[in-house]
């Protein structure tokens, strides 16, 4: 007699087929545009200084920072040197653009690195001193200070290339609570200051509290959970702020938001996405009081929560690959989504073919381009190059990524 219990169980291959269908639907329309096989842990959105168009900046381990242009799938090296001696070393975990993308800061396993177009020399990466050798996991900027965090400390400076000092709380260095490590930092909306989160360093620890810093990162306060509040009782992995007064925290148990400075009261827009949130970005921010669209990067992929388009506010899974970082740029009224994943950089737009070109490798560079510098280190914009008189330095990046330096005397 047949085993009735066995007959009632769906065959294993059916579960496999269902899983394939779900994963395929979540990833439809996505295209890998570069860096296959590389882990991309951070992304930043800025405006290309020379070409004056929006771009996504992509840090790649032991290779430097690259630029992906929104209007095309081309990828170029950034303006800054990429030789083995002048680029961030090790795994890159954080990236910050400042001064209209003319200055970059990158945090890696080997410390903090900076590069700027404002120096009177060819732009190159320089290692910045934090008086520690720990991984820099987060970088942020307010109206008057830069702030960087490592596992055990918080550091500040007035200018990116100034003196970085350890931040203090009541006269003592800012440290995470026992059993926790610092993980993330963000500037509070409208220049009100900084917020720093922490995560459990081992099993059995709930995670440390969130701490708050002044606009110059000169004074810090801890936070105490009040009985009448919703409190963060897990690890914090990421922050993002809107243009009004709200800051969002990505935790080990989902996304929470707060609107008051120096408080431990947090709220949730139900339903909750109950999983670790590695990174977040916001889109469609406005002054109408409507919450913005929230994009979340998780180990299970990219999720979107939009009360503006879905009355229930349910989370919608957009992508099924392990994702470390997510950024969104609006182009012609539609969102262009970038995902930094365990297997390179991926992109989604409404115009992307469902089939996609998923076999693209990391070296799909843009065409040759030339950056011109005056002898005192100023960048000469392309539109001004034809009128420039005198001697200048031309740095040519070829389609294969190699660089040539030429000294040219312009006569008109």
Protein backbone atom coordinates (compact mmCIF):
# COMPACT_ATOMS: atom_id res chain seq x y z
CA UNK A 1 0.00 0.00 0.00
CA UNK A 2 1.43 3.41 -0.91
CA UNK A 3 2.67 5.59 1.89
CA UNK A 4 -0.11 8.21 2.12
CA UNK A 5 2.09 10.59 4.12
CA UNK A 6 4.70 10.57 1.39
CA UNK A 7 2.05 11.09 -1.29
CA UNK A 8 0.80 14.24 0.45
CA UNK A 9 4.25 15.87 0.42
CA UNK A 10 5.03 17.98 -2.66
CA UNK A 11 8.10 16.70 -4.50
CA UNK A 12 11.39 18.46 -3.77
CA UNK A 13 11.75 19.72 -7.35
CA UNK A 14 8.47 21.64 -6.94
CA UNK A 15 9.95 23.71 -4.11
CA UNK A 16 13.04 24.34 -6.23
CA UNK A 17 10.92 25.52 -9.17
CA UNK A 18 8.85 27.81 -6.91
CA UNK A 19 12.07 29.32 -5.52
CA UNK A 20 13.44 29.93 -9.01
CA UNK A 21 10.22 31.68 -10.07
CA UNK A 22 10.20 33.94 -7.00
CA UNK A 23 13.86 34.89 -7.39
CA UNK A 24 13.44 35.54 -11.11
CA UNK A 25 10.44 37.82 -10.58
CA UNK A 26 12.24 39.79 -7.85
CA UNK A 27 15.27 40.36 -10.09
CA UNK A 28 13.49 41.00 -13.39
CA UNK A 29 14.66 44.17 -15.07
CA UNK A 30 17.99 44.32 -13.24
CA UNK A 31 21.27 44.43 -15.14
CA UNK A 32 24.81 43.85 -13.94
CA UNK A 33 26.82 46.78 -15.27
CA UNK A 34 30.25 46.08 -13.83
CA UNK A 35 32.69 44.55 -11.34
CA UNK A 36 31.55 40.94 -11.58
CA UNK A 37 32.82 38.86 -8.67
CA UNK A 38 33.60 41.94 -6.54
CA UNK A 39 31.86 42.91 -3.31
CA UNK A 40 30.62 46.50 -3.54
CA UNK A 41 29.94 47.63 0.05
CA UNK A 42 29.32 51.34 -0.43
CA UNK A 43 27.88 53.73 -3.01
CA UNK A 44 27.55 57.51 -3.18
CA UNK A 45 25.61 59.82 -5.48
CA UNK A 46 27.16 63.03 -6.76
CA UNK A 47 27.64 65.25 -9.76
CA UNK A 48 30.61 64.68 -12.04
CA UNK A 49 32.79 67.78 -11.72
CA UNK A 50 33.90 67.85 -15.35
CA UNK A 51 30.96 66.43 -17.25
CA UNK A 52 28.39 68.15 -15.03
CA UNK A 53 25.96 65.26 -14.86
CA UNK A 54 24.70 62.95 -12.14
CA UNK A 55 26.73 59.87 -11.39
CA UNK A 56 27.12 57.05 -8.88
CA UNK A 57 30.55 56.66 -7.30
CA UNK A 58 31.62 53.06 -6.72
CA UNK A 59 34.54 52.10 -4.44
CA UNK A 60 36.25 48.85 -5.46
CA UNK A 61 38.63 46.99 -3.15
CA UNK A 62 42.32 47.69 -3.87
CA UNK A 63 41.35 49.49 -7.09
CA UNK A 64 40.07 52.90 -6.04
CA UNK A 65 36.80 54.66 -6.88
CA UNK A 66 34.96 54.44 -10.21
CA UNK A 67 32.13 56.51 -11.69
CA UNK A 68 28.96 55.05 -13.24
CA UNK A 69 26.94 57.53 -15.27
CA UNK A 70 23.18 57.51 -14.88
CA UNK A 71 22.32 58.20 -18.51
CA UNK A 72 24.48 55.34 -19.80
CA UNK A 73 25.99 52.13 -18.52
CA UNK A 74 29.56 53.38 -19.00
CA UNK A 75 32.01 53.20 -16.11
CA UNK A 76 35.06 55.44 -15.80
CA UNK A 77 37.84 55.76 -13.30
CA UNK A 78 37.39 58.73 -10.98
CA UNK A 79 39.57 61.79 -11.26
CA UNK A 80 41.93 60.59 -8.55
CA UNK A 81 45.10 58.52 -8.90
CA UNK A 82 44.79 54.73 -8.90
CA UNK A 83 48.37 53.48 -8.80
CA UNK A 84 49.14 50.91 -6.06
CA UNK A 85 50.78 53.64 -3.98
CA UNK A 86 48.00 56.21 -4.06
CA UNK A 87 44.64 54.51 -3.56
CA UNK A 88 42.71 53.11 -0.59
CA UNK A 89 44.12 49.74 0.44
CA UNK A 90 42.07 46.75 1.54
CA UNK A 91 38.29 46.38 1.66
CA UNK A 92 36.40 49.68 1.30
CA UNK A 93 33.43 50.00 3.64
CA UNK A 94 32.38 53.65 3.40
CA UNK A 95 32.49 56.55 0.94
CA UNK A 96 31.64 60.25 1.31
CA UNK A 97 31.47 62.96 -1.37
CA UNK A 98 31.90 66.58 -0.31
CA UNK A 99 32.35 70.02 -1.86
CA UNK A 100 30.25 69.21 -4.94
CA UNK A 101 32.05 65.87 -5.43
CA UNK A 102 35.44 67.61 -5.70
CA UNK A 103 36.52 65.91 -2.44
CA UNK A 104 36.16 62.23 -1.52
CA UNK A 105 36.75 60.33 1.69
CA UNK A 106 36.96 56.53 1.72
CA UNK A 107 37.08 54.28 4.76
CA UNK A 108 38.79 50.91 4.44
CA UNK A 109 40.32 48.12 6.48
CA UNK A 110 43.58 50.09 6.47
CA UNK A 111 42.14 53.41 7.60
CA UNK A 112 40.80 56.66 6.16
CA UNK A 113 41.81 58.07 2.77
CA UNK A 114 41.05 61.39 1.13
CA UNK A 115 41.36 62.92 -2.33
CA UNK A 116 40.55 66.45 -3.49
CA UNK A 117 40.75 68.60 -6.61
CA UNK A 118 41.66 71.62 -4.50
CA UNK A 119 45.33 70.75 -4.09
CA UNK A 120 47.96 72.40 -6.31
CA UNK A 121 49.03 69.09 -7.82
CA UNK A 122 47.55 66.21 -9.78
CA UNK A 123 44.70 64.80 -7.69
CA UNK A 124 45.69 61.71 -5.78
CA UNK A 125 44.61 59.74 -2.71
CA UNK A 126 46.27 60.43 0.62
CA UNK A 127 46.00 58.46 3.82
CA UNK A 128 44.60 60.56 6.67
CA UNK A 129 45.66 60.11 10.26
CA UNK A 130 43.07 59.02 12.83
CA UNK A 131 45.65 57.80 15.35
CA UNK A 132 44.24 54.29 15.05
CA UNK A 133 44.52 51.30 12.74
CA UNK A 134 40.88 50.18 12.81
CA UNK A 135 38.49 49.85 9.89
CA UNK A 136 36.57 53.06 9.14
CA UNK A 137 32.96 51.92 8.88
CA UNK A 138 31.20 55.25 8.40
CA UNK A 139 31.83 58.88 7.36
CA UNK A 140 29.48 61.89 7.49
CA UNK A 141 29.57 65.67 7.11
CA UNK A 142 27.55 68.45 8.71
CA UNK A 143 27.65 72.16 7.90
CA UNK A 144 30.80 72.63 9.94
CA UNK A 145 32.55 69.30 10.51
CA UNK A 146 33.45 65.87 9.18
CA UNK A 147 32.92 62.81 11.35
CA UNK A 148 34.27 59.25 10.99
CA UNK A 149 33.66 56.14 13.08
CA UNK A 150 35.65 53.00 13.75
CA UNK A 151 34.71 50.04 15.89
CA UNK A 152 35.91 51.72 19.08
CA UNK A 153 35.94 55.46 18.43
CA UNK A 154 34.44 58.57 16.82
CA UNK A 155 36.67 61.21 15.19
CA UNK A 156 36.07 64.73 13.90
CA UNK A 157 37.75 67.49 11.92
CA UNK A 158 36.76 70.92 10.56
CA UNK A 159 38.16 70.15 7.10
CA UNK A 160 38.79 66.82 5.42
CA UNK A 161 42.55 67.34 5.43
CA UNK A 162 42.72 69.00 8.83
CA UNK A 163 43.63 67.39 12.13
CA UNK A 164 41.33 64.52 13.05
CA UNK A 165 40.61 64.43 16.79
CA UNK A 166 38.98 61.76 18.92
CA UNK A 167 35.55 62.93 20.05
CA UNK A 168 34.87 63.08 23.78
CA UNK A 169 31.83 62.53 25.97
CA UNK A 170 32.04 64.27 29.37
CA UNK A 171 35.78 64.65 28.95
CA UNK A 172 36.43 60.99 28.08
CA UNK A 173 36.85 59.52 24.57
CA UNK A 174 33.56 58.43 23.00
CA UNK A 175 33.44 54.63 23.26
CA UNK A 176 30.71 52.06 22.57
CA UNK A 177 29.09 50.26 25.50
CA UNK A 178 30.63 46.99 26.60
CA UNK A 179 30.10 44.21 24.08
CA UNK A 180 29.29 46.57 21.19
CA UNK A 181 31.13 48.29 18.35
CA UNK A 182 30.34 51.48 16.46
CA UNK A 183 28.96 50.79 13.00
CA UNK A 184 27.36 53.83 11.35
CA UNK A 185 27.23 57.63 11.39
CA UNK A 186 25.04 60.24 9.66
CA UNK A 187 24.48 63.97 9.83
CA UNK A 188 21.17 65.02 11.36
CA UNK A 189 18.69 66.88 9.11
CA UNK A 190 19.24 70.57 8.55
CA UNK A 191 22.68 70.56 10.12
CA UNK A 192 21.56 69.79 13.67
CA UNK A 193 24.44 67.43 14.31
CA UNK A 194 25.47 63.80 14.07
CA UNK A 195 24.02 60.45 15.10
CA UNK A 196 26.16 57.34 15.68
CA UNK A 197 24.90 53.77 15.98
CA UNK A 198 26.45 50.57 17.29
CA UNK A 199 26.00 46.83 16.97
CA UNK A 200 26.57 43.78 19.11
CA UNK A 201 30.14 42.52 18.91
CA UNK A 202 29.21 38.98 19.91
CA UNK A 203 26.41 36.61 20.85
CA UNK A 204 24.18 37.50 23.77
CA UNK A 205 24.52 41.28 23.37
CA UNK A 206 21.50 43.32 22.29
CA UNK A 207 23.51 46.13 20.71
CA UNK A 208 24.53 49.50 22.04
CA UNK A 209 22.52 52.71 22.21
CA UNK A 210 22.48 55.52 19.67
CA UNK A 211 24.52 58.62 20.61
CA UNK A 212 24.16 62.17 19.35
CA UNK A 213 26.74 64.83 18.49
CA UNK A 214 26.54 68.60 18.03
CA UNK A 215 26.86 70.21 14.60
CA UNK A 216 30.63 70.55 15.06
CA UNK A 217 30.91 67.07 16.64
CA UNK A 218 32.50 68.79 19.63
CA UNK A 219 30.00 67.65 22.25
CA UNK A 220 28.22 64.33 22.55
CA UNK A 221 25.36 62.91 24.58
CA UNK A 222 24.19 59.40 25.21
CA UNK A 223 20.60 58.23 25.02
CA UNK A 224 18.42 56.52 27.60
CA UNK A 225 15.35 54.54 26.61
CA UNK A 226 12.22 56.07 28.10
CA UNK A 227 9.33 53.86 29.19
CA UNK A 228 6.80 55.63 26.96
CA UNK A 229 8.98 55.33 23.84
CA UNK A 230 9.61 52.75 21.15
CA UNK A 231 13.31 52.01 21.62
CA UNK A 232 15.99 50.40 19.49
CA UNK A 233 16.68 47.04 21.12
CA UNK A 234 18.96 45.60 18.43
CA UNK A 235 22.04 46.47 16.43
CA UNK A 236 22.19 49.55 14.18
CA UNK A 237 23.82 49.12 10.76
CA UNK A 238 22.85 52.25 8.82
CA UNK A 239 21.29 55.72 8.94
CA UNK A 240 19.73 58.04 6.38
CA UNK A 241 18.10 61.46 6.86
CA UNK A 242 15.37 63.20 4.88
CA UNK A 243 15.22 66.89 3.97
CA UNK A 244 12.85 67.73 6.81
CA UNK A 245 13.43 66.55 10.40
CA UNK A 246 13.35 62.74 10.25
CA UNK A 247 16.20 60.28 10.44
CA UNK A 248 15.85 56.56 9.66
CA UNK A 249 17.85 53.82 11.31
CA UNK A 250 18.42 50.42 9.73
CA UNK A 251 18.66 47.89 12.53
CA UNK A 252 18.98 44.14 12.98
CA UNK A 253 15.19 44.02 13.34
CA UNK A 254 14.05 46.39 10.61
CA UNK A 255 13.67 50.12 9.96
CA UNK A 256 12.75 52.70 12.60
CA UNK A 257 12.55 56.48 12.42
CA UNK A 258 13.01 59.39 14.82
CA UNK A 259 12.18 63.08 14.67
CA UNK A 260 13.60 64.55 17.87
CA UNK A 261 17.18 65.41 18.68
CA UNK A 262 18.73 63.81 21.77
CA UNK A 263 15.93 61.35 22.38
CA UNK A 264 15.50 57.60 22.28
CA UNK A 265 11.95 57.68 20.92
CA UNK A 266 11.66 55.84 17.60
CA UNK A 267 8.65 54.93 15.48
CA UNK A 268 7.70 52.36 12.86
CA UNK A 269 5.58 52.70 9.74
CA UNK A 270 3.82 49.30 9.76
CA UNK A 271 4.31 46.69 8.54
CA UNK A 272 7.91 46.16 9.61
CA UNK A 273 10.63 44.58 7.46
CA UNK A 274 11.91 42.15 10.09
CA UNK A 275 15.49 41.55 8.94
CA UNK A 276 18.90 43.27 9.21
CA UNK A 277 19.05 46.49 7.16
CA UNK A 278 22.58 47.01 5.81
CA UNK A 279 21.95 50.31 4.00
CA UNK A 280 19.12 52.66 3.04
CA UNK A 281 18.33 55.56 0.76
CA UNK A 282 15.31 57.82 0.38
CA UNK A 283 13.48 59.08 -2.70
CA UNK A 284 10.54 61.35 -3.49
CA UNK A 285 11.09 63.53 -0.45
CA UNK A 286 8.74 66.53 -0.24
CA UNK A 287 7.29 69.02 2.20
CA UNK A 288 3.74 67.65 2.15
CA UNK A 289 4.26 65.54 5.24
CA UNK A 290 4.06 62.30 3.24
CA UNK A 291 6.83 59.84 4.22
CA UNK A 292 9.45 59.36 1.48
CA UNK A 293 10.04 56.12 -0.38
CA UNK A 294 12.49 53.98 1.59
CA UNK A 295 14.85 51.62 -0.24
CA UNK A 296 16.55 49.05 1.99
CA UNK A 297 19.57 46.85 1.24
CA UNK A 298 19.52 43.47 3.00
CA UNK A 299 21.10 40.04 2.82
CA UNK A 300 17.97 38.99 0.93
CA UNK A 301 18.10 41.80 -1.62
CA UNK A 302 16.58 45.26 -2.11
CA UNK A 303 13.17 46.21 -0.69
CA UNK A 304 10.99 49.28 -1.25
CA UNK A 305 8.42 50.79 1.10
CA UNK A 306 6.27 53.48 -0.50
CA UNK A 307 3.16 54.82 1.18
CA UNK A 308 2.81 57.20 -1.76
CA UNK A 309 2.09 54.35 -4.16
CA UNK A 310 0.88 51.51 -1.90
CA UNK A 311 -1.83 52.38 0.60
CA UNK A 312 -0.83 49.53 2.92
CA UNK A 313 2.80 50.63 2.95
CA UNK A 314 3.86 47.01 2.47
CA UNK A 315 7.50 46.27 1.65
CA UNK A 316 8.00 45.20 -1.96
CA UNK A 317 10.99 43.02 -2.81
CA UNK A 318 12.72 44.41 -5.89
CA UNK A 319 15.93 42.38 -6.06
CA UNK A 320 16.97 39.00 -4.70
CA UNK A 321 20.79 39.20 -4.45
CA UNK A 322 22.69 39.93 -1.22
CA UNK A 323 23.05 43.71 -1.21
CA UNK A 324 25.36 45.91 0.86
CA UNK A 325 24.48 49.36 -0.51
CA UNK A 326 21.64 50.98 -2.46
CA UNK A 327 21.23 54.39 -4.12
CA UNK A 328 18.40 55.86 -6.20
CA UNK A 329 18.51 58.73 -8.70
CA UNK A 330 15.49 60.14 -10.48
CA UNK A 331 15.87 60.50 -14.24
CA UNK A 332 13.01 61.85 -16.34
CA UNK A 333 10.67 61.28 -13.40
CA UNK A 334 11.54 57.59 -12.98
CA UNK A 335 13.80 56.02 -10.34
CA UNK A 336 17.13 54.54 -11.40
CA UNK A 337 18.21 52.09 -8.70
CA UNK A 338 21.81 51.03 -8.09
CA UNK A 339 22.72 48.07 -5.87
CA UNK A 340 26.18 47.30 -4.54
CA UNK A 341 26.11 43.53 -4.13
CA UNK A 342 28.21 40.48 -3.38
CA UNK A 343 28.64 40.17 -7.16
CA UNK A 344 29.32 43.62 -8.53
CA UNK A 345 27.23 46.69 -9.35
CA UNK A 346 23.65 46.23 -10.57
CA UNK A 347 21.21 48.73 -12.02
CA UNK A 348 17.46 48.88 -12.57
CA UNK A 349 15.49 51.28 -14.75
CA UNK A 350 12.08 50.97 -16.35
CA UNK A 351 13.78 50.79 -19.74
CA UNK A 352 16.11 47.94 -18.76
CA UNK A 353 15.50 44.76 -20.77
CA UNK A 354 14.26 41.90 -18.61
CA UNK A 355 16.80 39.65 -20.25
CA UNK A 356 19.57 42.08 -19.41
CA UNK A 357 23.25 41.74 -20.16
CA UNK A 358 24.28 39.92 -17.02
CA UNK A 359 27.68 38.82 -18.28
CA UNK A 360 29.26 42.27 -18.40
CA UNK A 361 32.67 42.30 -16.72
CA UNK A 362 34.31 44.99 -14.57
CA UNK A 363 36.15 46.72 -17.42
CA UNK A 364 33.31 48.22 -19.43
CA UNK A 365 34.86 51.68 -19.37
CA UNK A 366 33.70 54.83 -21.09
CA UNK A 367 35.58 56.22 -24.06
CA UNK A 368 38.90 58.03 -23.69
CA UNK A 369 38.66 61.26 -21.74
CA UNK A 370 41.08 64.04 -20.91
CA UNK A 371 41.33 66.10 -17.72
CA UNK A 372 43.28 69.35 -17.97
CA UNK A 373 45.02 71.09 -15.05
CA UNK A 374 46.70 74.45 -14.82
CA UNK A 375 50.19 74.45 -13.31
CA UNK A 376 48.77 75.52 -9.94
CA UNK A 377 46.49 72.45 -9.85
CA UNK A 378 43.15 73.96 -10.94
CA UNK A 379 40.90 71.87 -13.18
CA UNK A 380 40.24 73.46 -16.57
CA UNK A 381 36.61 72.67 -17.58
CA UNK A 382 36.17 71.24 -21.10
CA UNK A 383 34.16 74.28 -22.20
CA UNK A 384 37.09 76.56 -21.23
CA UNK A 385 39.89 74.42 -22.68
CA UNK A 386 39.64 75.97 -26.14
CA UNK A 387 40.16 79.48 -24.72
CA UNK A 388 42.98 78.60 -22.32
CA UNK A 389 46.36 80.15 -22.99
CA UNK A 390 49.66 78.98 -21.57
CA UNK A 391 51.09 75.68 -20.37
CA UNK A 392 48.82 73.06 -18.84
CA UNK A 393 48.92 69.39 -17.81
CA UNK A 394 46.67 66.93 -19.65
CA UNK A 395 45.82 63.61 -18.01
CA UNK A 396 44.41 61.19 -20.58
CA UNK A 397 42.51 58.07 -19.48
CA UNK A 398 42.17 55.58 -22.32
CA UNK A 399 39.28 53.20 -22.87
CA UNK A 400 41.30 50.37 -21.29
CA UNK A 401 41.84 52.37 -18.11
CA UNK A 402 45.52 53.27 -18.59
CA UNK A 403 46.70 56.87 -18.03
CA UNK A 404 49.00 59.22 -19.92
CA UNK A 405 50.37 62.54 -18.64
CA UNK A 406 51.22 65.25 -21.18
CA UNK A 407 52.58 68.79 -20.84
CA UNK A 408 50.98 71.05 -23.46
CA UNK A 409 51.66 74.67 -24.42
CA UNK A 410 48.44 76.25 -25.67
CA UNK A 411 48.90 79.14 -28.11
CA UNK A 412 46.06 81.20 -29.54
